[in-house]
Amino acid sequence: MRCPCAARTLLLALSLPALACRGATPHEPTLPTVDFTPVAIVTASPDGLGCAMHPVGTPCQVPAGSVIEVRNDGPGERRLQAGEAFDTGIMRPGETTTVVLGDEPTTLEVRDALDPEATLELDVVPRAGHAG
């Protein structure tokens, strides 16, 4: 026959860590926050392609790894592409697409696949504090 004292001792030993944590504040899991606010808005309009958050006549420059918005401000369908960096697919009038750019500095040539004359240079520059 087993000694009931051994079973009680084992149960008490296993319960102590749970009792010790009972008064502690439980730690909720944390999730990283991501800011999807675009640093630039590339627009497709009847006048061509533009970069809405930069003064007219200045190059469109954004830090590597940035979020940009691509917006169809025209009356017809558009499809903007920048090599392997992004392809919006067919965008109807008023539609937008959010794009996260790569981490490497480069110059992207944005083209409208449905209007090959419409182009825009997008300079992806090193992020502040990072070597390029």
Protein backbone atom coordinates (compact mmCIF):
# COMPACT_ATOMS: atom_id res chain seq x y z
CA MET A 1 0.00 0.00 0.00
CA ARG A 2 1.25 3.48 -0.88
CA CYS A 3 1.73 6.20 1.60
CA PRO A 4 -0.83 8.99 1.04
CA CYS A 5 1.75 11.42 2.41
CA ALA A 6 3.98 11.02 -0.66
CA ALA A 7 1.09 11.79 -3.02
CA ARG A 8 0.13 14.89 -1.03
CA THR A 9 3.75 16.06 -0.95
CA LEU A 10 4.06 15.63 -4.73
CA LEU A 11 0.78 17.50 -5.32
CA LEU A 12 1.90 20.33 -3.05
CA ALA A 13 5.31 20.55 -4.77
CA LEU A 14 3.66 20.79 -8.20
CA SER A 15 1.19 23.43 -7.00
CA LEU A 16 3.73 25.84 -5.49
CA PRO A 17 4.89 27.43 -8.78
CA ALA A 18 1.28 28.04 -9.83
CA LEU A 19 0.45 29.58 -6.46
CA ALA A 20 3.53 31.81 -6.59
CA CYS A 21 2.46 33.20 -9.99
CA ARG A 22 -1.16 33.76 -8.97
CA GLY A 23 -0.45 37.23 -7.55
CA ALA A 24 1.75 38.33 -10.47
CA THR A 25 0.34 40.47 -13.25
CA PRO A 26 -0.20 38.29 -16.30
CA HIS A 27 1.86 39.28 -19.32
CA GLU A 28 -0.20 39.86 -22.40
CA PRO A 29 1.40 38.94 -25.68
CA THR A 30 2.66 41.95 -27.57
CA LEU A 31 2.50 42.54 -31.28
CA PRO A 32 4.76 44.89 -33.16
CA THR A 33 3.03 47.94 -34.52
CA VAL A 34 3.41 48.76 -38.16
CA ASP A 35 2.72 52.20 -39.56
CA PHE A 36 1.14 51.85 -42.99
CA THR A 37 0.88 55.62 -43.51
CA PRO A 38 2.31 56.23 -46.98
CA VAL A 39 5.34 58.50 -47.30
CA ALA A 40 4.41 59.21 -50.93
CA ILE A 41 1.37 58.83 -53.16
CA VAL A 42 2.01 57.89 -56.77
CA THR A 43 -0.95 59.09 -58.82
CA ALA A 44 -2.12 58.12 -62.29
CA SER A 45 -4.25 60.84 -63.85
CA PRO A 46 -5.10 62.03 -67.37
CA ASP A 47 -1.99 64.27 -67.09
CA GLY A 48 0.29 61.25 -66.52
CA LEU A 49 2.01 59.85 -63.44
CA GLY A 50 2.88 62.04 -60.48
CA CYS A 51 4.16 61.91 -56.94
CA ALA A 52 1.63 63.74 -54.77
CA MET A 53 3.67 64.27 -51.59
CA HIS A 54 6.62 66.00 -53.25
CA PRO A 55 6.74 69.52 -54.71
CA VAL A 56 6.23 69.75 -58.46
CA GLY A 57 9.52 69.54 -60.33
CA THR A 58 11.38 67.67 -57.56
CA PRO A 59 12.29 64.02 -57.82
CA CYS A 60 10.08 61.58 -56.00
CA GLN A 61 12.37 60.24 -53.25
CA VAL A 62 11.38 57.82 -50.52
CA PRO A 63 13.43 55.94 -47.92
CA ALA A 64 14.07 52.24 -48.51
CA GLY A 65 11.44 50.03 -46.87
CA SER A 66 8.82 52.77 -47.06
CA VAL A 67 5.11 52.41 -47.65
CA ILE A 68 3.72 54.19 -50.69
CA GLU A 69 0.19 54.43 -52.00
CA VAL A 70 -0.56 54.05 -55.70
CA ARG A 71 -3.79 55.78 -56.73
CA ASN A 72 -5.78 55.83 -59.96
CA ASP A 73 -7.07 59.40 -60.21
CA GLY A 74 -8.08 59.04 -63.85
CA PRO A 75 -11.33 58.10 -65.56
CA GLY A 76 -10.05 54.83 -67.06
CA GLU A 77 -8.32 51.68 -65.90
CA ARG A 78 -4.60 51.80 -65.08
CA ARG A 79 -1.94 49.19 -64.28
CA LEU A 80 1.23 50.56 -62.72
CA GLN A 81 4.39 48.49 -62.64
CA ALA A 82 7.91 49.07 -61.36
CA GLY A 83 9.98 46.09 -62.47
CA GLU A 84 9.97 43.43 -59.78
CA ALA A 85 9.22 45.98 -57.04
CA PHE A 86 5.46 46.05 -57.64
CA ASP A 87 2.61 45.51 -60.08
CA THR A 88 -0.77 46.94 -59.09
CA GLY A 89 -2.78 44.82 -61.48
CA ILE A 90 -5.74 46.52 -63.15
CA MET A 91 -6.94 49.46 -61.07
CA ARG A 92 -10.36 50.97 -61.73
CA PRO A 93 -10.91 54.73 -61.37
CA GLY A 94 -10.56 55.78 -57.71
CA GLU A 95 -8.86 52.56 -56.57
CA THR A 96 -5.69 52.55 -54.49
CA THR A 97 -3.00 50.00 -53.72
CA THR A 98 -0.55 50.05 -50.82
CA VAL A 99 3.03 49.00 -51.62
CA VAL A 100 5.94 48.34 -49.25
CA LEU A 101 9.22 49.03 -51.03
CA GLY A 102 12.33 46.90 -50.66
CA ASP A 103 15.21 47.65 -48.30
CA GLU A 104 17.80 48.39 -50.99
CA PRO A 105 18.31 51.88 -52.45
CA THR A 106 17.53 51.98 -56.18
CA THR A 107 15.77 53.99 -58.85
CA LEU A 108 12.47 52.51 -59.95
CA GLU A 109 10.90 53.37 -63.26
CA VAL A 110 7.16 53.28 -62.71
CA ARG A 111 5.21 52.63 -65.93
CA ASP A 112 1.57 52.36 -66.83
CA ALA A 113 1.21 49.09 -68.73
CA LEU A 114 -1.96 50.45 -70.37
CA ASP A 115 -0.32 53.77 -71.37
CA PRO A 116 3.40 53.18 -72.09
CA GLU A 117 4.01 56.95 -72.45
CA ALA A 118 3.17 57.47 -68.75
CA THR A 119 6.33 57.01 -66.65
CA LEU A 120 7.73 58.26 -63.34
CA GLU A 121 11.12 57.84 -61.67
CA LEU A 122 10.90 56.88 -58.02
CA ASP A 123 14.21 57.17 -56.16
CA VAL A 124 14.48 54.77 -53.23
CA VAL A 125 17.19 56.26 -51.00
CA PRO A 126 18.92 54.81 -47.92
CA ARG A 127 16.84 54.99 -44.77
CA ALA A 128 18.13 57.56 -42.27
CA GLY A 129 20.67 55.98 -39.94
CA HIS A 130 21.38 53.06 -42.28
CA ALA A 131 24.35 52.74 -44.60
CA GLY A 132 23.46 52.52 -48.27
